Amino acid sequence: MVTKEVGADRTPFAAIADPTRRAILDHLRAGELGAGEIADRFPVSRPAIARHVRVLRQAGLLKERRDAQKRFYSLEPQGLAEIDRWLEPYRLYWAARLTELKAVAEEIHNADTDK
């Protein structure tokens, strides 16, 4: 049986686990969007998108700005810091692997040109 930890759905990791929420973040990379503009970009109901936006806000990934009755959302870069810290060792791992791959490819290339 899987139990749900209290507050677990408010973490940045849980928030980006959903492809719709990742797509919302992708749309907001270009800048602030109104709630309706976000909803218009998806083939699901506005209430469903509102729930996704709420999860992203609670995880600290979005900022909300209100102008009268309208709500506008933008990325909260600091919210991605936890994810960035977690990814750092993997960036180092892949950089090392790519350096090794380059060395092997150059060795093969040099061996072929020496023939």
PDB file of N, CA and C in Angstrom:
ATOM      1  N   MET A   1       0.838  -1.170   0.000  1.00  0.00           N
ATOM      2  CA  MET A   1       0.000   0.000   0.000  1.00  0.00           C
ATOM      3  C   MET A   1       0.886   1.238   0.000  1.00  0.00           C
ATOM      4  N   VAL A   2       0.489   2.223  -0.803  1.00  0.00           N
ATOM      5  CA  VAL A   2       1.219   3.474  -0.876  1.00  0.00           C
ATOM      6  C   VAL A   2       0.488   4.504  -0.043  1.00  0.00           C
ATOM      7  N   THR A   3       1.216   5.156   0.831  1.00  0.00           N
ATOM      8  CA  THR A   3       0.594   6.210   1.642  1.00  0.00           C
ATOM      9  C   THR A   3       1.089   7.547   1.141  1.00  0.00           C
ATOM     10  N   LYS A   4       0.236   8.510   1.224  1.00  0.00           N
ATOM     11  CA  LYS A   4       0.589   9.846   0.768  1.00  0.00           C
ATOM     12  C   LYS A   4       1.047  10.671   1.958  1.00  0.00           C
ATOM     13  N   GLU A   5       2.267  11.157   1.865  1.00  0.00           N
ATOM     14  CA  GLU A   5       2.819  11.992   2.921  1.00  0.00           C
ATOM     15  C   GLU A   5       2.112  13.348   2.915  1.00  0.00           C
ATOM     16  N   VAL A   6       1.776  13.836   4.077  1.00  0.00           N
ATOM     17  CA  VAL A   6       1.119  15.133   4.188  1.00  0.00           C
ATOM     18  C   VAL A   6       2.025  16.210   3.624  1.00  0.00           C
ATOM     19  N   GLY A   7       1.490  17.014   2.715  1.00  0.00           N
ATOM     20  CA  GLY A   7       2.259  18.097   2.122  1.00  0.00           C
ATOM     21  C   GLY A   7       3.179  17.666   0.994  1.00  0.00           C
ATOM     22  N   ALA A   8       3.219  16.369   0.682  1.00  0.00           N
ATOM     23  CA  ALA A   8       4.126  15.887  -0.352  1.00  0.00           C
ATOM     24  C   ALA A   8       3.786  16.473  -1.714  1.00  0.00           C
ATOM     25  N   ASP A   9       2.512  16.751  -1.948  1.00  0.00           N
ATOM     26  CA  ASP A   9       2.120  17.290  -3.243  1.00  0.00           C
ATOM     27  C   ASP A   9       2.483  18.764  -3.390  1.00  0.00           C
ATOM     28  N   ARG A  10       3.048  19.368  -2.366  1.00  0.00           N
ATOM     29  CA  ARG A  10       3.443  20.773  -2.434  1.00  0.00           C
ATOM     30  C   ARG A  10       4.932  20.938  -2.721  1.00  0.00           C
ATOM     31  N   THR A  11       5.622  19.863  -2.963  1.00  0.00           N
ATOM     32  CA  THR A  11       7.041  19.972  -3.269  1.00  0.00           C
ATOM     33  C   THR A  11       7.226  20.259  -4.751  1.00  0.00           C
ATOM     34  N   PRO A  12       8.315  20.916  -5.115  1.00  0.00           N
ATOM     35  CA  PRO A  12       8.576  21.147  -6.537  1.00  0.00           C
ATOM     36  C   PRO A  12       8.644  19.845  -7.341  1.00  0.00           C
ATOM     37  N   PHE A  13       9.190  18.789  -6.736  1.00  0.00           N
ATOM     38  CA  PHE A  13       9.305  17.511  -7.443  1.00  0.00           C
ATOM     39  C   PHE A  13       7.941  16.927  -7.767  1.00  0.00           C
ATOM     40  N   ALA A  14       7.031  16.964  -6.803  1.00  0.00           N
ATOM     41  CA  ALA A  14       5.677  16.457  -7.053  1.00  0.00           C
ATOM     42  C   ALA A  14       4.970  17.323  -8.093  1.00  0.00           C
ATOM     43  N   ALA A  15       5.199  18.620  -8.024  1.00  0.00           N
ATOM     44  CA  ALA A  15       4.529  19.532  -8.957  1.00  0.00           C
ATOM     45  C   ALA A  15       4.960  19.279 -10.397  1.00  0.00           C
ATOM     46  N   ILE A  16       6.237  19.044 -10.638  1.00  0.00           N
ATOM     47  CA  ILE A  16       6.693  18.853 -12.010  1.00  0.00           C
ATOM     48  C   ILE A  16       6.541  17.419 -12.485  1.00  0.00           C
ATOM     49  N   ALA A  17       6.047  16.538 -11.623  1.00  0.00           N
ATOM     50  CA  ALA A  17       5.833  15.149 -12.027  1.00  0.00           C
ATOM     51  C   ALA A  17       4.737  15.032 -13.079  1.00  0.00           C
ATOM     52  N   ASP A  18       3.856  16.003 -13.135  1.00  0.00           N
ATOM     53  CA  ASP A  18       2.734  15.957 -14.068  1.00  0.00           C
ATOM     54  C   ASP A  18       3.093  16.672 -15.381  1.00  0.00           C
ATOM     55  N   PRO A  19       2.858  16.026 -16.537  1.00  0.00           N
ATOM     56  CA  PRO A  19       3.234  16.650 -17.809  1.00  0.00           C
ATOM     57  C   PRO A  19       2.475  17.941 -18.110  1.00  0.00           C
ATOM     58  N   THR A  20       1.244  18.063 -17.664  1.00  0.00           N
ATOM     59  CA  THR A  20       0.499  19.306 -17.892  1.00  0.00           C
ATOM     60  C   THR A  20       1.138  20.448 -17.118  1.00  0.00           C
ATOM     61  N   ARG A  21       1.558  20.186 -15.890  1.00  0.00           N
ATOM     62  CA  ARG A  21       2.204  21.242 -15.104  1.00  0.00           C
ATOM     63  C   ARG A  21       3.547  21.626 -15.698  1.00  0.00           C
ATOM     64  N   ARG A  22       4.283  20.651 -16.220  1.00  0.00           N
ATOM     65  CA  ARG A  22       5.550  20.990 -16.889  1.00  0.00           C
ATOM     66  C   ARG A  22       5.275  21.848 -18.123  1.00  0.00           C
ATOM     67  N   ALA A  23       4.200  21.536 -18.837  1.00  0.00           N
ATOM     68  CA  ALA A  23       3.846  22.334 -20.023  1.00  0.00           C
ATOM     69  C   ALA A  23       3.460  23.758 -19.621  1.00  0.00           C
ATOM     70  N   ILE A  24       2.762  23.913 -18.510  1.00  0.00           N
ATOM     71  CA  ILE A  24       2.419  25.259 -18.024  1.00  0.00           C
ATOM     72  C   ILE A  24       3.698  26.037 -17.746  1.00  0.00           C
ATOM     73  N   LEU A  25       4.647  25.414 -17.079  1.00  0.00           N
ATOM     74  CA  LEU A  25       5.933  26.073 -16.815  1.00  0.00           C
ATOM     75  C   LEU A  25       6.622  26.459 -18.124  1.00  0.00           C
ATOM     76  N   ASP A  26       6.580  25.564 -19.100  1.00  0.00           N
ATOM     77  CA  ASP A  26       7.203  25.861 -20.395  1.00  0.00           C
ATOM     78  C   ASP A  26       6.572  27.091 -21.040  1.00  0.00           C
ATOM     79  N   HIS A  27       5.243  27.188 -20.989  1.00  0.00           N
ATOM     80  CA  HIS A  27       4.560  28.345 -21.569  1.00  0.00           C
ATOM     81  C   HIS A  27       4.958  29.636 -20.848  1.00  0.00           C
ATOM     82  N   LEU A  28       5.182  29.559 -19.563  1.00  0.00           N
ATOM     83  CA  LEU A  28       5.492  30.755 -18.783  1.00  0.00           C
ATOM     84  C   LEU A  28       6.953  31.194 -18.903  1.00  0.00           C
ATOM     85  N   ARG A  29       7.782  30.380 -19.530  1.00  0.00           N
ATOM     86  CA  ARG A  29       9.176  30.797 -19.742  1.00  0.00           C
ATOM     87  C   ARG A  29       9.254  32.055 -20.580  1.00  0.00           C
ATOM     88  N   ALA A  30       8.282  32.247 -21.477  1.00  0.00           N
ATOM     89  CA  ALA A  30       8.284  33.432 -22.340  1.00  0.00           C
ATOM     90  C   ALA A  30       7.806  34.675 -21.603  1.00  0.00           C
ATOM     91  N   GLY A  31       7.209  34.513 -20.436  1.00  0.00           N
ATOM     92  CA  GLY A  31       6.746  35.655 -19.662  1.00  0.00           C
ATOM     93  C   GLY A  31       5.385  35.412 -19.040  1.00  0.00           C
ATOM     94  N   GLU A  32       4.929  36.415 -18.355  1.00  0.00           N
ATOM     95  CA  GLU A  32       3.672  36.358 -17.600  1.00  0.00           C
ATOM     96  C   GLU A  32       2.476  36.086 -18.528  1.00  0.00           C
ATOM     97  N   LEU A  33       1.543  35.264 -18.024  1.00  0.00           N
ATOM     98  CA  LEU A  33       0.303  34.978 -18.746  1.00  0.00           C
ATOM     99  C   LEU A  33      -0.873  35.088 -17.788  1.00  0.00           C
ATOM    100  N   GLY A  34      -2.000  35.487 -18.326  1.00  0.00           N
ATOM    101  CA  GLY A  34      -3.223  35.509 -17.548  1.00  0.00           C
ATOM    102  C   GLY A  34      -3.756  34.097 -17.384  1.00  0.00           C
ATOM    103  N   ALA A  35      -4.589  33.913 -16.379  1.00  0.00           N
ATOM    104  CA  ALA A  35      -5.153  32.591 -16.108  1.00  0.00           C
ATOM    105  C   ALA A  35      -5.887  32.043 -17.330  1.00  0.00           C
ATOM    106  N   GLY A  36      -6.669  32.888 -17.978  1.00  0.00           N
ATOM    107  CA  GLY A  36      -7.398  32.454 -19.164  1.00  0.00           C
ATOM    108  C   GLY A  36      -6.484  32.093 -20.316  1.00  0.00           C
ATOM    109  N   GLU A  37      -5.406  32.849 -20.473  1.00  0.00           N
ATOM    110  CA  GLU A  37      -4.435  32.561 -21.540  1.00  0.00           C
ATOM    111  C   GLU A  37      -3.786  31.196 -21.319  1.00  0.00           C
ATOM    112  N   ILE A  38      -3.499  30.878 -20.078  1.00  0.00           N
ATOM    113  CA  ILE A  38      -2.922  29.568 -19.773  1.00  0.00           C
ATOM    114  C   ILE A  38      -3.941  28.484 -20.115  1.00  0.00           C
ATOM    115  N   ALA A  39      -5.154  28.650 -19.637  1.00  0.00           N
ATOM    116  CA  ALA A  39      -6.204  27.642 -19.855  1.00  0.00           C
ATOM    117  C   ALA A  39      -6.479  27.427 -21.338  1.00  0.00           C
ATOM    118  N   ASP A  40      -6.427  28.497 -22.119  1.00  0.00           N
ATOM    119  CA  ASP A  40      -6.715  28.394 -23.557  1.00  0.00           C
ATOM    120  C   ASP A  40      -5.706  27.525 -24.309  1.00  0.00           C
ATOM    121  N   ARG A  41      -4.569  27.291 -23.724  1.00  0.00           N
ATOM    122  CA  ARG A  41      -3.517  26.517 -24.399  1.00  0.00           C
ATOM    123  C   ARG A  41      -3.637  25.011 -24.181  1.00  0.00           C
ATOM    124  N   PHE A  42      -4.656  24.584 -23.439  1.00  0.00           N
ATOM    125  CA  PHE A  42      -4.802  23.168 -23.113  1.00  0.00           C
ATOM    126  C   PHE A  42      -6.203  22.660 -23.448  1.00  0.00           C
ATOM    127  N   PRO A  43      -6.288  21.400 -23.861  1.00  0.00           N
ATOM    128  CA  PRO A  43      -7.590  20.828 -24.232  1.00  0.00           C
ATOM    129  C   PRO A  43      -8.355  20.235 -23.045  1.00  0.00           C
ATOM    130  N   VAL A  44      -8.151  20.783 -21.862  1.00  0.00           N
ATOM    131  CA  VAL A  44      -8.871  20.317 -20.671  1.00  0.00           C
ATOM    132  C   VAL A  44      -9.641  21.495 -20.086  1.00  0.00           C
ATOM    133  N   SER A  45     -10.476  21.211 -19.115  1.00  0.00           N
ATOM    134  CA  SER A  45     -11.332  22.252 -18.545  1.00  0.00           C
ATOM    135  C   SER A  45     -10.523  23.314 -17.793  1.00  0.00           C
ATOM    136  N   ARG A  46     -11.109  24.496 -17.704  1.00  0.00           N
ATOM    137  CA  ARG A  46     -10.464  25.578 -16.948  1.00  0.00           C
ATOM    138  C   ARG A  46     -10.284  25.209 -15.476  1.00  0.00           C
ATOM    139  N   PRO A  47     -11.274  24.553 -14.852  1.00  0.00           N
ATOM    140  CA  PRO A  47     -11.056  24.149 -13.456  1.00  0.00           C
ATOM    141  C   PRO A  47      -9.866  23.190 -13.302  1.00  0.00           C
ATOM    142  N   ALA A  48      -9.668  22.320 -14.281  1.00  0.00           N
ATOM    143  CA  ALA A  48      -8.523  21.397 -14.200  1.00  0.00           C
ATOM    144  C   ALA A  48      -7.216  22.176 -14.275  1.00  0.00           C
ATOM    145  N   ILE A  49      -7.140  23.153 -15.175  1.00  0.00           N
ATOM    146  CA  ILE A  49      -5.928  23.970 -15.289  1.00  0.00           C
ATOM    147  C   ILE A  49      -5.743  24.804 -14.022  1.00  0.00           C
ATOM    148  N   ALA A  50      -6.832  25.302 -13.468  1.00  0.00           N
ATOM    149  CA  ALA A  50      -6.740  26.079 -12.217  1.00  0.00           C
ATOM    150  C   ALA A  50      -6.144  25.223 -11.099  1.00  0.00           C
ATOM    151  N   ARG A  51      -6.502  23.949 -11.046  1.00  0.00           N
ATOM    152  CA  ARG A  51      -5.932  23.055 -10.025  1.00  0.00           C
ATOM    153  C   ARG A  51      -4.438  22.862 -10.268  1.00  0.00           C
ATOM    154  N   HIS A  52      -4.053  22.685 -11.535  1.00  0.00           N
ATOM    155  CA  HIS A  52      -2.626  22.537 -11.845  1.00  0.00           C
ATOM    156  C   HIS A  52      -1.850  23.793 -11.449  1.00  0.00           C
ATOM    157  N   VAL A  53      -2.410  24.954 -11.752  1.00  0.00           N
ATOM    158  CA  VAL A  53      -1.756  26.221 -11.401  1.00  0.00           C
ATOM    159  C   VAL A  53      -1.640  26.343  -9.885  1.00  0.00           C
ATOM    160  N   ARG A  54      -2.665  25.939  -9.168  1.00  0.00           N
ATOM    161  CA  ARG A  54      -2.630  26.002  -7.701  1.00  0.00           C
ATOM    162  C   ARG A  54      -1.507  25.123  -7.147  1.00  0.00           C
ATOM    163  N   VAL A  55      -1.357  23.916  -7.700  1.00  0.00           N
ATOM    164  CA  VAL A  55      -0.280  23.025  -7.250  1.00  0.00           C
ATOM    165  C   VAL A  55       1.083  23.676  -7.508  1.00  0.00           C
ATOM    166  N   LEU A  56       1.240  24.279  -8.674  1.00  0.00           N
ATOM    167  CA  LEU A  56       2.513  24.947  -8.988  1.00  0.00           C
ATOM    168  C   LEU A  56       2.781  26.126  -8.056  1.00  0.00           C
ATOM    169  N   ARG A  57       1.732  26.872  -7.733  1.00  0.00           N
ATOM    170  CA  ARG A  57       1.894  27.997  -6.791  1.00  0.00           C
ATOM    171  C   ARG A  57       2.270  27.488  -5.410  1.00  0.00           C
ATOM    172  N   GLN A  58       1.574  26.467  -4.933  1.00  0.00           N
ATOM    173  CA  GLN A  58       1.842  25.935  -3.596  1.00  0.00           C
ATOM    174  C   GLN A  58       3.238  25.330  -3.496  1.00  0.00           C
ATOM    175  N   ALA A  59       3.759  24.862  -4.628  1.00  0.00           N
ATOM    176  CA  ALA A  59       5.116  24.307  -4.643  1.00  0.00           C
ATOM    177  C   ALA A  59       6.174  25.397  -4.766  1.00  0.00           C
ATOM    178  N   GLY A  60       5.734  26.646  -4.902  1.00  0.00           N
ATOM    179  CA  GLY A  60       6.671  27.762  -4.992  1.00  0.00           C
ATOM    180  C   GLY A  60       7.264  27.963  -6.374  1.00  0.00           C
ATOM    181  N   LEU A  61       6.611  27.421  -7.411  1.00  0.00           N
ATOM    182  CA  LEU A  61       7.137  27.525  -8.766  1.00  0.00           C
ATOM    183  C   LEU A  61       6.521  28.668  -9.565  1.00  0.00           C
ATOM    184  N   LEU A  62       5.399  29.204  -9.090  1.00  0.00           N
ATOM    185  CA  LEU A  62       4.726  30.305  -9.772  1.00  0.00           C
ATOM    186  C   LEU A  62       4.444  31.442  -8.815  1.00  0.00           C
ATOM    187  N   LYS A  63       4.455  32.659  -9.378  1.00  0.00           N
ATOM    188  CA  LYS A  63       4.016  33.858  -8.654  1.00  0.00           C
ATOM    189  C   LYS A  63       2.663  34.257  -9.235  1.00  0.00           C
ATOM    190  N   GLU A  64       1.816  34.803  -8.381  1.00  0.00           N
ATOM    191  CA  GLU A  64       0.514  35.287  -8.834  1.00  0.00           C
ATOM    192  C   GLU A  64       0.448  36.796  -8.639  1.00  0.00           C
ATOM    193  N   ARG A  65      -0.090  37.474  -9.651  1.00  0.00           N
ATOM    194  CA  ARG A  65      -0.317  38.908  -9.566  1.00  0.00           C
ATOM    195  C   ARG A  65      -1.775  39.143  -9.920  1.00  0.00           C
ATOM    196  N   ARG A  66      -2.438  39.952  -9.102  1.00  0.00           N
ATOM    197  CA  ARG A  66      -3.843  40.254  -9.356  1.00  0.00           C
ATOM    198  C   ARG A  66      -3.989  41.692  -9.834  1.00  0.00           C
ATOM    199  N   ASP A  67      -4.864  41.857 -10.812  1.00  0.00           N
ATOM    200  CA  ASP A  67      -5.202  43.176 -11.335  1.00  0.00           C
ATOM    201  C   ASP A  67      -6.722  43.190 -11.450  1.00  0.00           C
ATOM    202  N   ALA A  68      -7.355  43.818 -10.472  1.00  0.00           N
ATOM    203  CA  ALA A  68      -8.830  43.811 -10.368  1.00  0.00           C
ATOM    204  C   ALA A  68      -9.297  42.360 -10.284  1.00  0.00           C
ATOM    205  N   GLN A  69     -10.088  41.921 -11.242  1.00  0.00           N
ATOM    206  CA  GLN A  69     -10.624  40.553 -11.231  1.00  0.00           C
ATOM    207  C   GLN A  69      -9.697  39.545 -11.913  1.00  0.00           C
ATOM    208  N   LYS A  70      -8.663  40.016 -12.553  1.00  0.00           N
ATOM    209  CA  LYS A  70      -7.798  39.137 -13.336  1.00  0.00           C
ATOM    210  C   LYS A  70      -6.609  38.656 -12.519  1.00  0.00           C
ATOM    211  N   ARG A  71      -6.158  37.438 -12.852  1.00  0.00           N
ATOM    212  CA  ARG A  71      -4.970  36.860 -12.221  1.00  0.00           C
ATOM    213  C   ARG A  71      -3.939  36.572 -13.299  1.00  0.00           C
ATOM    214  N   PHE A  72      -2.718  36.926 -12.980  1.00  0.00           N
ATOM    215  CA  PHE A  72      -1.613  36.716 -13.899  1.00  0.00           C
ATOM    216  C   PHE A  72      -0.551  35.878 -13.188  1.00  0.00           C
ATOM    217  N   TYR A  73       0.093  35.011 -13.963  1.00  0.00           N
ATOM    218  CA  TYR A  73       1.081  34.103 -13.385  1.00  0.00           C
ATOM    219  C   TYR A  73       2.406  34.234 -14.116  1.00  0.00           C
ATOM    220  N   SER A  74       3.474  34.075 -13.343  1.00  0.00           N
ATOM    221  CA  SER A  74       4.826  34.074 -13.899  1.00  0.00           C
ATOM    222  C   SER A  74       5.658  33.073 -13.110  1.00  0.00           C
ATOM    223  N   LEU A  75       6.799  32.713 -13.688  1.00  0.00           N
ATOM    224  CA  LEU A  75       7.682  31.757 -13.023  1.00  0.00           C
ATOM    225  C   LEU A  75       8.295  32.364 -11.773  1.00  0.00           C
ATOM    226  N   GLU A  76       8.505  31.521 -10.795  1.00  0.00           N
ATOM    227  CA  GLU A  76       9.223  31.890  -9.570  1.00  0.00           C
ATOM    228  C   GLU A  76      10.544  31.119  -9.618  1.00  0.00           C
ATOM    229  N   PRO A  77      11.605  31.743 -10.146  1.00  0.00           N
ATOM    230  CA  PRO A  77      12.869  31.028 -10.335  1.00  0.00           C
ATOM    231  C   PRO A  77      13.413  30.388  -9.059  1.00  0.00           C
ATOM    232  N   GLN A  78      13.225  31.035  -7.925  1.00  0.00           N
ATOM    233  CA  GLN A  78      13.738  30.461  -6.677  1.00  0.00           C
ATOM    234  C   GLN A  78      13.094  29.116  -6.365  1.00  0.00           C
ATOM    235  N   GLY A  79      11.880  28.913  -6.845  1.00  0.00           N
ATOM    236  CA  GLY A  79      11.200  27.643  -6.612  1.00  0.00           C
ATOM    237  C   GLY A  79      11.881  26.482  -7.310  1.00  0.00           C
ATOM    238  N   LEU A  80      12.586  26.784  -8.388  1.00  0.00           N
ATOM    239  CA  LEU A  80      13.287  25.728  -9.114  1.00  0.00           C
ATOM    240  C   LEU A  80      14.658  25.415  -8.520  1.00  0.00           C
ATOM    241  N   ALA A  81      15.085  26.184  -7.547  1.00  0.00           N
ATOM    242  CA  ALA A  81      16.422  26.006  -6.967  1.00  0.00           C
ATOM    243  C   ALA A  81      16.611  24.622  -6.362  1.00  0.00           C
ATOM    244  N   GLU A  82      15.590  24.099  -5.694  1.00  0.00           N
ATOM    245  CA  GLU A  82      15.704  22.771  -5.079  1.00  0.00           C
ATOM    246  C   GLU A  82      15.927  21.702  -6.148  1.00  0.00           C
ATOM    247  N   ILE A  83      15.211  21.816  -7.241  1.00  0.00           N
ATOM    248  CA  ILE A  83      15.360  20.869  -8.348  1.00  0.00           C
ATOM    249  C   ILE A  83      16.741  21.020  -8.975  1.00  0.00           C
ATOM    250  N   ASP A  84      17.174  22.259  -9.138  1.00  0.00           N
ATOM    251  CA  ASP A  84      18.488  22.524  -9.713  1.00  0.00           C
ATOM    252  C   ASP A  84      19.594  21.917  -8.855  1.00  0.00           C
ATOM    253  N   ARG A  85      19.474  22.057  -7.537  1.00  0.00           N
ATOM    254  CA  ARG A  85      20.486  21.473  -6.634  1.00  0.00           C
ATOM    255  C   ARG A  85      20.517  19.951  -6.779  1.00  0.00           C
ATOM    256  N   TRP A  86      19.353  19.336  -6.927  1.00  0.00           N
ATOM    257  CA  TRP A  86      19.285  17.889  -7.066  1.00  0.00           C
ATOM    258  C   TRP A  86      19.900  17.439  -8.394  1.00  0.00           C
ATOM    259  N   LEU A  87      19.725  18.227  -9.445  1.00  0.00           N
ATOM    260  CA  LEU A  87      20.237  17.869 -10.768  1.00  0.00           C
ATOM    261  C   LEU A  87      21.742  18.051 -10.917  1.00  0.00           C
ATOM    262  N   GLU A  88      22.354  18.887 -10.103  1.00  0.00           N
ATOM    263  CA  GLU A  88      23.768  19.226 -10.267  1.00  0.00           C
ATOM    264  C   GLU A  88      24.682  18.002 -10.368  1.00  0.00           C
ATOM    265  N   PRO A  89      24.585  17.003  -9.479  1.00  0.00           N
ATOM    266  CA  PRO A  89      25.480  15.842  -9.617  1.00  0.00           C
ATOM    267  C   PRO A  89      25.278  15.103 -10.941  1.00  0.00           C
ATOM    268  N   TYR A  90      24.068  15.117 -11.466  1.00  0.00           N
ATOM    269  CA  TYR A  90      23.805  14.450 -12.738  1.00  0.00           C
ATOM    270  C   TYR A  90      24.423  15.222 -13.900  1.00  0.00           C
ATOM    271  N   ARG A  91      24.436  16.544 -13.809  1.00  0.00           N
ATOM    272  CA  ARG A  91      25.113  17.344 -14.832  1.00  0.00           C
ATOM    273  C   ARG A  91      26.603  16.998 -14.861  1.00  0.00           C
ATOM    274  N   LEU A  92      27.200  16.893 -13.680  1.00  0.00           N
ATOM    275  CA  LEU A  92      28.620  16.542 -13.595  1.00  0.00           C
ATOM    276  C   LEU A  92      28.865  15.139 -14.149  1.00  0.00           C
ATOM    277  N   TYR A  93      27.979  14.203 -13.828  1.00  0.00           N
ATOM    278  CA  TYR A  93      28.086  12.827 -14.313  1.00  0.00           C
ATOM    279  C   TYR A  93      28.063  12.810 -15.840  1.00  0.00           C
ATOM    280  N   TRP A  94      27.063  13.498 -16.444  1.00  0.00           N
ATOM    281  CA  TRP A  94      26.942  13.482 -17.900  1.00  0.00           C
ATOM    282  C   TRP A  94      28.076  14.242 -18.571  1.00  0.00           C
ATOM    283  N   ALA A  95      28.545  15.287 -17.970  1.00  0.00           N
ATOM    284  CA  ALA A  95      29.683  16.016 -18.545  1.00  0.00           C
ATOM    285  C   ALA A  95      30.901  15.094 -18.619  1.00  0.00           C
ATOM    286  N   ALA A  96      31.143  14.320 -17.563  1.00  0.00           N
ATOM    287  CA  ALA A  96      32.271  13.384 -17.544  1.00  0.00           C
ATOM    288  C   ALA A  96      32.077  12.290 -18.593  1.00  0.00           C
ATOM    289  N   ARG A  97      30.861  11.772 -18.712  1.00  0.00           N
ATOM    290  CA  ARG A  97      30.595  10.720 -19.704  1.00  0.00           C
ATOM    291  C   ARG A  97      30.788  11.250 -21.122  1.00  0.00           C
ATOM    292  N   LEU A  98      30.351  12.482 -21.369  1.00  0.00           N
ATOM    293  CA  LEU A  98      30.509  13.052 -22.706  1.00  0.00           C
ATOM    294  C   LEU A  98      31.974  13.305 -23.034  1.00  0.00           C
ATOM    295  N   THR A  99      32.751  13.688 -22.026  1.00  0.00           N
ATOM    296  CA  THR A  99      34.190  13.875 -22.232  1.00  0.00           C
ATOM    297  C   THR A  99      34.827  12.534 -22.601  1.00  0.00           C
ATOM    298  N   GLU A 100      34.436  11.465 -21.905  1.00  0.00           N
ATOM    299  CA  GLU A 100      34.955  10.129 -22.218  1.00  0.00           C
ATOM    300  C   GLU A 100      34.539   9.694 -23.622  1.00  0.00           C
ATOM    301  N   LEU A 101      33.288   9.969 -23.989  1.00  0.00           N
ATOM    302  CA  LEU A 101      32.797   9.612 -25.315  1.00  0.00           C
ATOM    303  C   LEU A 101      33.575  10.357 -26.392  1.00  0.00           C
ATOM    304  N   LYS A 102      33.849  11.624 -26.159  1.00  0.00           N
ATOM    305  CA  LYS A 102      34.621  12.414 -27.119  1.00  0.00           C
ATOM    306  C   LYS A 102      36.009  11.809 -27.304  1.00  0.00           C
ATOM    307  N   ALA A 103      36.639  11.409 -26.199  1.00  0.00           N
ATOM    308  CA  ALA A 103      37.982  10.821 -26.287  1.00  0.00           C
ATOM    309  C   ALA A 103      37.951   9.523 -27.089  1.00  0.00           C
ATOM    310  N   VAL A 104      36.951   8.692 -26.880  1.00  0.00           N
ATOM    311  CA  VAL A 104      36.838   7.430 -27.622  1.00  0.00           C
ATOM    312  C   VAL A 104      36.601   7.713 -29.097  1.00  0.00           C
ATOM    313  N   ALA A 105      35.702   8.665 -29.403  1.00  0.00           N
ATOM    314  CA  ALA A 105      35.409   8.998 -30.800  1.00  0.00           C
ATOM    315  C   ALA A 105      36.658   9.546 -31.497  1.00  0.00           C
ATOM    316  N   GLU A 106      37.420  10.380 -30.812  1.00  0.00           N
ATOM    317  CA  GLU A 106      38.652  10.917 -31.399  1.00  0.00           C
ATOM    318  C   GLU A 106      39.680   9.813 -31.621  1.00  0.00           C
ATOM    319  N   GLU A 107      39.746   8.874 -30.694  1.00  0.00           N
ATOM    320  CA  GLU A 107      40.675   7.751 -30.832  1.00  0.00           C
ATOM    321  C   GLU A 107      40.313   6.905 -32.051  1.00  0.00           C
ATOM    322  N   ILE A 108      39.034   6.644 -32.226  1.00  0.00           N
ATOM    323  CA  ILE A 108      38.573   5.865 -33.384  1.00  0.00           C
ATOM    324  C   ILE A 108      38.853   6.628 -34.668  1.00  0.00           C
ATOM    325  N   HIS A 109      38.567   7.921 -34.642  1.00  0.00           N
ATOM    326  CA  HIS A 109      38.808   8.761 -35.834  1.00  0.00           C
ATOM    327  C   HIS A 109      40.283   8.773 -36.204  1.00  0.00           C
ATOM    328  N   ASN A 110      41.138   8.946 -35.196  1.00  0.00           N
ATOM    329  CA  ASN A 110      42.574   8.975 -35.445  1.00  0.00           C
ATOM    330  C   ASN A 110      43.072   7.632 -35.955  1.00  0.00           C
ATOM    331  N   ALA A 111      42.544   6.537 -35.437  1.00  0.00           N
ATOM    332  CA  ALA A 111      42.930   5.212 -35.883  1.00  0.00           C
ATOM    333  C   ALA A 111      42.529   5.008 -37.342  1.00  0.00           C
ATOM    334  N   ASP A 112      41.371   5.495 -37.721  1.00  0.00           N
ATOM    335  CA  ASP A 112      40.892   5.381 -39.108  1.00  0.00           C
ATOM    336  C   ASP A 112      41.736   6.221 -40.073  1.00  0.00           C
ATOM    337  N   THR A 113      42.165   7.398 -39.632  1.00  0.00           N
ATOM    338  CA  THR A 113      42.951   8.273 -40.519  1.00  0.00           C
ATOM    339  C   THR A 113      44.403   7.806 -40.629  1.00  0.00           C
ATOM    340  N   ASP A 114      44.869   7.013 -39.666  1.00  0.00           N
ATOM    341  CA  ASP A 114      46.235   6.501 -39.711  1.00  0.00           C
ATOM    342  C   ASP A 114      46.377   5.323 -40.664  1.00  0.00           C
ATOM    343  N   LYS A 115      45.268   4.771 -41.108  1.00  0.00           N
ATOM    344  CA  LYS A 115      45.330   3.591 -41.989  1.00  0.00           C
ATOM    345  C   LYS A 115      45.759   3.936 -43.373  1.00  0.00           C
TER     346      LYS A 115
END
